[in-house]
Each structure stands twice: as structure tokens, then as C-alpha cells.
N, C-alpha and C. Protein backbone atom coordinates (compact mmCIF):
# COMPACT_ATOMS: atom_id res chain seq x y z
N MET A 1 178.98 89.71 90.33
CA MET A 1 178.47 91.07 90.31
C MET A 1 179.21 91.88 91.37
N VAL A 2 179.51 93.09 91.04
CA VAL A 2 180.29 93.96 91.92
C VAL A 2 179.41 94.44 93.07
N ARG A 3 179.95 94.36 94.26
CA ARG A 3 179.23 94.88 95.42
C ARG A 3 179.39 96.39 95.47
N GLN A 4 178.26 97.08 95.48
CA GLN A 4 178.27 98.53 95.43
C GLN A 4 178.84 99.15 96.70
N ASP A 5 178.70 98.48 97.85
CA ASP A 5 179.25 99.04 99.08
C ASP A 5 180.78 99.05 99.07
N ILE A 6 181.37 97.98 98.51
CA ILE A 6 182.83 97.94 98.41
C ILE A 6 183.30 98.98 97.40
N LEU A 7 182.61 99.07 96.27
CA LEU A 7 182.97 100.02 95.23
C LEU A 7 182.91 101.46 95.75
N GLY A 8 181.85 101.78 96.47
CA GLY A 8 181.71 103.12 97.03
C GLY A 8 182.76 103.41 98.08
N GLY A 9 183.09 102.41 98.89
CA GLY A 9 184.12 102.59 99.91
C GLY A 9 185.49 102.81 99.32
N MET A 10 185.80 102.10 98.23
CA MET A 10 187.09 102.30 97.56
C MET A 10 187.17 103.70 96.96
N LYS A 11 186.10 104.15 96.35
CA LYS A 11 186.08 105.50 95.78
C LYS A 11 186.32 106.52 96.88
N ASN A 12 185.65 106.35 97.99
CA ASN A 12 185.79 107.28 99.11
C ASN A 12 187.23 107.29 99.62
N ALA A 13 187.84 106.11 99.74
CA ALA A 13 189.23 106.03 100.24
C ALA A 13 190.19 106.71 99.28
N ILE A 14 190.01 106.50 97.99
CA ILE A 14 190.91 107.10 96.99
C ILE A 14 190.74 108.62 96.96
N GLU A 15 189.49 109.09 97.07
CA GLU A 15 189.26 110.53 97.08
C GLU A 15 189.88 111.20 98.30
N HIS A 16 190.06 110.45 99.38
CA HIS A 16 190.67 111.01 100.59
C HIS A 16 192.18 110.75 100.64
N GLY A 17 192.77 110.31 99.53
CA GLY A 17 194.22 110.23 99.45
C GLY A 17 194.83 108.86 99.60
N SER A 18 194.06 107.82 99.79
CA SER A 18 194.62 106.48 99.90
C SER A 18 194.89 105.91 98.52
N SER A 19 195.85 104.97 98.46
CA SER A 19 196.11 104.29 97.20
C SER A 19 195.11 103.15 97.05
N ILE A 20 195.05 102.60 95.85
CA ILE A 20 194.15 101.47 95.60
C ILE A 20 194.54 100.27 96.45
N GLU A 21 195.85 100.09 96.64
CA GLU A 21 196.32 98.96 97.46
C GLU A 21 195.93 99.15 98.92
N GLN A 22 196.03 100.39 99.42
CA GLN A 22 195.63 100.65 100.81
C GLN A 22 194.13 100.42 100.99
N ALA A 23 193.35 100.85 100.00
CA ALA A 23 191.90 100.65 100.07
C ALA A 23 191.55 99.17 100.06
N LYS A 24 192.24 98.41 99.17
CA LYS A 24 192.00 96.96 99.11
C LYS A 24 192.34 96.31 100.44
N GLN A 25 193.49 96.68 101.01
CA GLN A 25 193.92 96.09 102.28
C GLN A 25 192.94 96.42 103.41
N SER A 26 192.41 97.62 103.38
CA SER A 26 191.44 98.02 104.39
C SER A 26 190.19 97.14 104.34
N PHE A 27 189.72 96.86 103.13
CA PHE A 27 188.54 96.00 103.00
C PHE A 27 188.84 94.56 103.38
N LEU A 28 190.05 94.10 103.04
CA LEU A 28 190.42 92.73 103.42
C LEU A 28 190.51 92.61 104.94
N ASN A 29 191.07 93.64 105.61
CA ASN A 29 191.17 93.64 107.07
C ASN A 29 189.78 93.68 107.72
N ALA A 30 188.82 94.29 107.02
CA ALA A 30 187.47 94.38 107.56
C ALA A 30 186.70 93.08 107.39
N GLY A 31 187.27 92.10 106.68
CA GLY A 31 186.64 90.79 106.58
C GLY A 31 185.96 90.51 105.26
N TYR A 32 186.10 91.40 104.28
CA TYR A 32 185.52 91.14 102.97
C TYR A 32 186.35 90.09 102.24
N SER A 33 185.70 89.34 101.34
CA SER A 33 186.42 88.29 100.63
C SER A 33 187.35 88.92 99.59
N PRO A 34 188.52 88.29 99.39
CA PRO A 34 189.49 88.83 98.41
C PRO A 34 188.92 88.92 97.00
N GLU A 35 188.07 87.97 96.62
CA GLU A 35 187.50 87.99 95.27
C GLU A 35 186.62 89.22 95.07
N GLU A 36 185.78 89.53 96.06
CA GLU A 36 184.90 90.68 95.95
C GLU A 36 185.68 91.99 95.94
N VAL A 37 186.74 92.06 96.74
CA VAL A 37 187.55 93.27 96.80
C VAL A 37 188.30 93.47 95.48
N ASP A 38 188.88 92.39 94.94
CA ASP A 38 189.60 92.50 93.66
C ASP A 38 188.66 92.88 92.52
N GLU A 39 187.47 92.33 92.54
CA GLU A 39 186.50 92.65 91.49
C GLU A 39 186.11 94.13 91.55
N ALA A 40 185.88 94.65 92.75
CA ALA A 40 185.54 96.07 92.90
C ALA A 40 186.71 96.95 92.50
N ALA A 41 187.94 96.52 92.80
CA ALA A 41 189.13 97.31 92.48
C ALA A 41 189.33 97.44 90.98
N ARG A 42 188.87 96.45 90.20
CA ARG A 42 189.01 96.52 88.75
C ARG A 42 188.14 97.63 88.15
N TYR A 43 187.05 98.01 88.85
CA TYR A 43 186.16 99.04 88.34
C TYR A 43 186.57 100.44 88.77
N VAL A 44 187.51 100.55 89.66
CA VAL A 44 187.94 101.87 90.13
C VAL A 44 189.04 102.38 89.21
N ASN A 45 188.87 103.58 88.67
CA ASN A 45 189.87 104.21 87.82
C ASN A 45 190.65 105.18 88.72
N VAL A 46 191.86 104.81 89.07
CA VAL A 46 192.64 105.54 90.05
C VAL A 46 193.13 106.88 89.50
N LYS A 47 193.41 106.99 88.21
CA LYS A 47 194.02 108.19 87.66
C LYS A 47 193.14 109.42 87.83
N ASP A 48 191.83 109.31 87.53
CA ASP A 48 190.99 110.49 87.66
C ASP A 48 189.97 110.35 88.79
N PHE A 49 190.16 109.39 89.67
CA PHE A 49 189.35 109.18 90.87
C PHE A 49 187.85 109.07 90.57
N ARG A 50 187.53 108.28 89.63
CA ARG A 50 186.12 108.05 89.37
C ARG A 50 185.89 106.56 89.25
N ILE A 51 184.66 106.19 89.43
CA ILE A 51 184.30 104.78 89.35
C ILE A 51 183.81 104.49 87.94
N VAL A 52 184.33 103.45 87.36
CA VAL A 52 183.84 103.00 86.08
C VAL A 52 182.68 102.08 86.39
N SER A 53 181.54 102.42 85.87
CA SER A 53 180.33 101.67 86.20
C SER A 53 180.41 100.26 85.66
N PRO A 54 179.98 99.31 86.46
CA PRO A 54 179.92 97.93 85.97
C PRO A 54 178.82 97.82 84.93
N PRO A 55 178.90 96.82 84.07
CA PRO A 55 177.85 96.68 83.07
C PRO A 55 176.50 96.51 83.74
N ALA A 56 175.54 97.26 83.25
CA ALA A 56 174.20 97.24 83.86
C ALA A 56 173.48 95.97 83.49
N LYS A 57 172.92 95.36 84.48
CA LYS A 57 172.13 94.17 84.26
C LYS A 57 170.68 94.63 84.11
N GLU A 58 170.05 94.21 83.04
CA GLU A 58 168.70 94.67 82.79
C GLU A 58 167.76 94.01 83.79
N LEU A 59 167.01 94.86 84.46
CA LEU A 59 166.06 94.38 85.46
C LEU A 59 164.74 94.04 84.78
N PRO A 60 164.05 93.06 85.31
CA PRO A 60 162.75 92.73 84.72
C PRO A 60 161.77 93.88 84.94
N ARG A 61 160.90 94.07 83.98
CA ARG A 61 159.92 95.14 84.08
C ARG A 61 158.90 94.78 85.15
N ALA A 62 158.62 95.75 85.99
CA ALA A 62 157.61 95.54 87.02
C ALA A 62 156.23 95.70 86.40
N ARG A 63 155.32 94.86 86.82
CA ARG A 63 153.96 94.99 86.30
C ARG A 63 153.29 96.14 87.04
N PRO A 64 152.40 96.84 86.38
CA PRO A 64 151.75 97.98 87.02
C PRO A 64 150.85 97.51 88.17
N LEU A 65 150.77 98.32 89.20
CA LEU A 65 149.93 97.98 90.34
C LEU A 65 148.46 98.14 90.04
N VAL A 66 148.14 99.07 89.14
CA VAL A 66 146.76 99.34 88.79
C VAL A 66 146.65 99.32 87.28
N ASP A 67 145.60 98.69 86.75
CA ASP A 67 145.43 98.69 85.31
C ASP A 67 144.84 100.02 84.84
N SER A 68 145.00 100.29 83.57
CA SER A 68 144.60 101.60 83.03
C SER A 68 143.09 101.79 83.09
N GLN A 69 142.32 100.72 83.03
CA GLN A 69 140.86 100.84 83.08
C GLN A 69 140.41 101.37 84.44
N SER A 70 140.97 100.85 85.52
CA SER A 70 140.57 101.33 86.85
C SER A 70 141.04 102.76 87.08
N VAL A 71 142.17 103.14 86.49
CA VAL A 71 142.63 104.53 86.61
C VAL A 71 141.64 105.46 85.93
N LYS A 72 141.12 105.06 84.76
CA LYS A 72 140.14 105.88 84.05
C LYS A 72 138.85 106.00 84.87
N GLU A 73 138.41 104.91 85.48
CA GLU A 73 137.20 104.95 86.29
C GLU A 73 137.36 105.89 87.48
N ILE A 74 138.50 105.82 88.13
CA ILE A 74 138.76 106.69 89.29
C ILE A 74 138.79 108.14 88.85
N ALA A 75 139.42 108.41 87.71
CA ALA A 75 139.48 109.79 87.21
C ALA A 75 138.09 110.31 86.90
N GLN A 76 137.22 109.48 86.35
CA GLN A 76 135.87 109.91 86.05
C GLN A 76 135.10 110.19 87.34
N ARG A 77 135.28 109.38 88.36
CA ARG A 77 134.61 109.62 89.64
C ARG A 77 135.05 110.92 90.26
N ILE A 78 136.35 111.19 90.17
CA ILE A 78 136.87 112.43 90.75
C ILE A 78 136.31 113.62 90.00
N GLN A 79 136.23 113.54 88.70
CA GLN A 79 135.72 114.65 87.91
C GLN A 79 134.23 114.87 88.15
N SER A 80 133.47 113.80 88.38
CA SER A 80 132.04 113.95 88.57
C SER A 80 131.67 114.35 89.99
N SER A 81 132.54 114.11 90.96
CA SER A 81 132.23 114.49 92.34
C SER A 81 132.47 115.98 92.53
N PRO A 82 131.69 116.64 93.45
CA PRO A 82 131.89 118.07 93.67
C PRO A 82 133.24 118.35 94.29
N THR A 83 133.83 119.45 93.89
CA THR A 83 135.14 119.82 94.41
C THR A 83 135.01 120.37 95.81
N GLN A 84 136.13 120.51 96.50
CA GLN A 84 136.15 121.01 97.86
C GLN A 84 135.64 122.44 97.93
N THR A 85 135.98 123.27 96.94
CA THR A 85 135.52 124.66 96.96
C THR A 85 134.02 124.74 96.76
N GLN A 86 133.45 123.84 95.94
CA GLN A 86 132.01 123.82 95.77
C GLN A 86 131.32 123.41 97.06
N MET A 87 131.91 122.46 97.76
CA MET A 87 131.33 122.01 99.03
C MET A 87 131.39 123.11 100.08
N GLN A 88 132.48 123.90 100.10
CA GLN A 88 132.62 124.95 101.09
C GLN A 88 131.69 126.11 100.79
N SER A 89 131.38 126.34 99.52
CA SER A 89 130.53 127.47 99.16
C SER A 89 129.08 127.22 99.51
N GLN A 90 128.70 125.98 99.75
CA GLN A 90 127.32 125.68 100.10
C GLN A 90 127.08 125.99 101.58
N THR A 91 125.88 126.41 101.89
CA THR A 91 125.52 126.67 103.28
C THR A 91 125.21 125.35 103.95
N PRO A 92 125.20 125.31 105.29
CA PRO A 92 124.90 124.04 105.98
C PRO A 92 123.54 123.47 105.62
N SER A 93 122.55 124.33 105.36
CA SER A 93 121.23 123.81 105.01
C SER A 93 121.26 123.11 103.66
N GLN A 94 122.11 123.58 102.74
CA GLN A 94 122.22 122.93 101.44
C GLN A 94 122.87 121.56 101.57
N THR A 95 123.85 121.43 102.43
CA THR A 95 124.51 120.13 102.58
C THR A 95 123.61 119.15 103.29
N GLN A 96 122.73 119.62 104.16
CA GLN A 96 121.82 118.71 104.85
C GLN A 96 120.78 118.15 103.89
N THR A 97 120.37 118.93 102.91
CA THR A 97 119.37 118.44 101.96
C THR A 97 119.94 117.42 101.01
N GLN A 98 121.24 117.30 100.94
CA GLN A 98 121.85 116.32 100.04
C GLN A 98 121.97 114.95 100.69
N GLU A 99 121.52 114.79 101.94
CA GLU A 99 121.57 113.48 102.58
C GLU A 99 120.64 112.53 101.83
N PRO A 100 120.88 111.25 101.95
CA PRO A 100 120.04 110.30 101.23
C PRO A 100 118.58 110.41 101.67
N LYS A 101 117.70 110.63 100.69
CA LYS A 101 116.29 110.78 101.00
C LYS A 101 115.63 109.44 101.24
N GLU A 102 116.24 108.39 100.75
CA GLU A 102 115.67 107.06 100.94
C GLU A 102 115.63 106.70 102.42
N LYS A 103 116.63 107.10 103.17
CA LYS A 103 116.66 106.80 104.60
C LYS A 103 115.51 107.52 105.29
N ASN A 104 115.25 108.77 104.93
CA ASN A 104 114.15 109.51 105.52
C ASN A 104 112.82 108.88 105.15
N LYS A 105 112.68 108.43 103.91
CA LYS A 105 111.44 107.80 103.47
C LYS A 105 111.18 106.50 104.21
N SER A 106 112.22 105.68 104.36
CA SER A 106 112.03 104.39 105.01
C SER A 106 111.73 104.55 106.49
N SER A 107 112.37 105.52 107.16
CA SER A 107 112.08 105.71 108.59
C SER A 107 110.68 106.27 108.78
N ALA A 108 110.20 107.15 107.89
CA ALA A 108 108.83 107.67 107.98
C ALA A 108 107.83 106.55 107.76
N PHE A 109 108.11 105.67 106.80
CA PHE A 109 107.23 104.53 106.53
C PHE A 109 107.12 103.61 107.76
N LEU A 110 108.24 103.36 108.41
CA LEU A 110 108.21 102.50 109.60
C LEU A 110 107.40 103.12 110.72
N TRP A 111 107.53 104.42 110.93
CA TRP A 111 106.75 105.08 111.98
C TRP A 111 105.25 105.02 111.68
N ILE A 112 104.88 105.24 110.45
CA ILE A 112 103.47 105.16 110.07
C ILE A 112 102.94 103.75 110.28
N LEU A 113 103.72 102.75 109.92
CA LEU A 113 103.33 101.36 110.10
C LEU A 113 103.14 101.02 111.58
N VAL A 114 104.04 101.49 112.43
CA VAL A 114 103.94 101.23 113.88
C VAL A 114 102.67 101.87 114.43
N VAL A 115 102.38 103.11 114.04
CA VAL A 115 101.18 103.80 114.55
C VAL A 115 99.92 103.09 114.09
N ILE A 116 99.86 102.64 112.84
CA ILE A 116 98.68 101.93 112.34
C ILE A 116 98.49 100.62 113.11
N LEU A 117 99.55 99.88 113.32
CA LEU A 117 99.43 98.62 114.08
C LEU A 117 98.97 98.88 115.51
N PHE A 118 99.47 99.93 116.13
CA PHE A 118 99.05 100.28 117.49
C PHE A 118 97.56 100.59 117.52
N LEU A 119 97.08 101.39 116.57
CA LEU A 119 95.65 101.74 116.52
C LEU A 119 94.79 100.51 116.26
N LEU A 120 95.26 99.58 115.42
CA LEU A 120 94.51 98.36 115.17
C LEU A 120 94.38 97.50 116.43
N VAL A 121 95.44 97.39 117.17
CA VAL A 121 95.40 96.58 118.39
C VAL A 121 94.46 97.22 119.41
N ILE A 122 94.56 98.50 119.61
CA ILE A 122 93.68 99.19 120.56
C ILE A 122 92.22 99.10 120.09
N GLY A 123 92.00 99.35 118.79
CA GLY A 123 90.63 99.27 118.26
C GLY A 123 90.07 97.86 118.37
N GLY A 124 90.88 96.87 118.11
CA GLY A 124 90.41 95.48 118.23
C GLY A 124 90.05 95.13 119.66
N GLY A 125 90.84 95.61 120.60
CA GLY A 125 90.53 95.35 122.01
C GLY A 125 89.22 95.99 122.44
N ILE A 126 88.99 97.22 122.00
CA ILE A 126 87.74 97.90 122.34
C ILE A 126 86.55 97.19 121.70
N ALA A 127 86.71 96.77 120.44
CA ALA A 127 85.62 96.06 119.76
C ALA A 127 85.32 94.74 120.45
N MET A 128 86.32 94.03 120.86
CA MET A 128 86.11 92.75 121.55
C MET A 128 85.43 92.96 122.90
N TYR A 129 85.71 94.03 123.54
CA TYR A 129 85.09 94.32 124.84
C TYR A 129 83.60 94.55 124.65
N PHE A 130 83.24 95.37 123.66
CA PHE A 130 81.83 95.69 123.45
C PHE A 130 81.06 94.53 122.84
N LEU A 131 81.70 93.67 122.11
CA LEU A 131 81.02 92.52 121.52
C LEU A 131 80.90 91.36 122.49
N GLY A 132 81.56 91.44 123.59
CA GLY A 132 81.47 90.41 124.60
C GLY A 132 82.37 89.22 124.35
N VAL A 133 83.34 89.38 123.54
CA VAL A 133 84.25 88.27 123.25
C VAL A 133 85.02 87.88 124.49
N PHE A 134 85.33 88.85 125.34
CA PHE A 134 86.07 88.54 126.57
C PHE A 134 85.25 87.68 127.51
N ASP A 135 83.90 87.79 127.42
CA ASP A 135 83.03 87.01 128.32
C ASP A 135 83.16 85.52 128.05
N MET A 136 83.54 85.13 126.80
CA MET A 136 83.72 83.71 126.52
C MET A 136 84.92 83.16 127.28
N PHE A 137 85.97 83.96 127.36
CA PHE A 137 87.19 83.49 128.01
C PHE A 137 87.19 83.78 129.51
N PHE A 138 86.56 84.87 129.91
CA PHE A 138 86.52 85.28 131.32
C PHE A 138 85.06 85.57 131.69
N PRO A 139 84.29 84.55 132.02
CA PRO A 139 82.86 84.78 132.34
C PRO A 139 82.73 85.64 133.60
N PRO A 140 81.69 86.47 133.66
CA PRO A 140 81.51 87.32 134.85
C PRO A 140 81.22 86.48 136.07
N ALA A 141 81.63 86.95 137.18
CA ALA A 141 81.42 86.20 138.44
C ALA A 141 79.96 86.40 138.89
N THR A 142 79.24 85.28 139.11
CA THR A 142 77.87 85.32 139.60
C THR A 142 77.86 84.82 141.03
N PRO A 143 76.85 85.23 141.80
CA PRO A 143 76.86 84.79 143.21
C PRO A 143 76.79 83.27 143.35
N ASP A 144 76.13 82.56 142.45
CA ASP A 144 76.05 81.10 142.61
C ASP A 144 77.36 80.43 142.13
N ALA A 145 78.20 81.15 141.40
CA ALA A 145 79.46 80.58 140.94
C ALA A 145 80.58 80.75 141.97
N LEU A 146 80.32 81.54 143.04
CA LEU A 146 81.35 81.77 144.05
C LEU A 146 81.44 80.58 144.99
N PRO A 147 82.58 80.25 145.50
CA PRO A 147 82.69 79.12 146.45
C PRO A 147 82.05 79.50 147.81
N LEU A 148 81.49 78.54 148.45
CA LEU A 148 80.86 78.75 149.77
C LEU A 148 81.93 78.84 150.85
N PRO A 149 81.65 79.71 151.84
CA PRO A 149 82.64 79.80 152.92
C PRO A 149 82.57 78.67 153.91
């Protein structure tokens, strides 16, 4: 296969007035292999200073990066989402109301649950105090129960 860098260099040399032999010698002096230089020289048409293209080797077809189904899905999402101009035309209060309402509902539910639990604990403590449940665990101090000095 013809090296395109050698082919381009030969074309450039010929266009600037060098002969094909001078161009070949220049590439050989630069360290290119004689076979590669001779092969590139066969493709150069010296009479009208143009390069005769080497036969094109058919390249394998690249597989697509994205399949057509996912492209269709993305296009549908873009079409269904509000455009930038629609978003800009809304006032800040309108954009705030579009926040997920589920988050607000769940946080309100948690606060209500915490308050109810707090009231139950306080109410239970008061009820236990008046019912004397604490007296079972912490009996009142009586004068005969105190240690003698």
C-alpha cells in the first residue's frame, strides 16, 4: 500500500520544480525504504503534476454507536420536555410549584409523625406519674427507711 506521506511529499517537490528523480533521492536520503519510495513514484504523474490515486481499499463499515430505537426515544423525550423559551417565560413562582410534590408530602408526614410520638411520650409520662407507676420503681423516702446516723 502506498504511503500517503511519501506521495504527498513527492507531489509537493514536483510542484516546486524538482524532478521525480530528485524527489525520490530526497526521500531515500531521509531514510525511507527504496521500495516505498518507488511505489509512491509510480503513482505520481509528472507531466501534469498531479497524483494518480492508488486503488481505494474498501474499509469495513463501522457499526453505529447508537441504535435507531434509542434515538427515537431520545427524540420523543426532547419533544415532550418544555423548551427553553417556555421555561424562561414562566415566573419564578411557577417554576417553584413544579418541584416534586412527593418530597413535600413525605417531609410533612415525617414532621407530623415526630410530633405525635413526642406528645405520646409526654402524655405517657404524665399518666404514669398520676397513676403512681413511678412509685413501684422509685418508692418515696420514709423516715424509717432512712439510714441512721
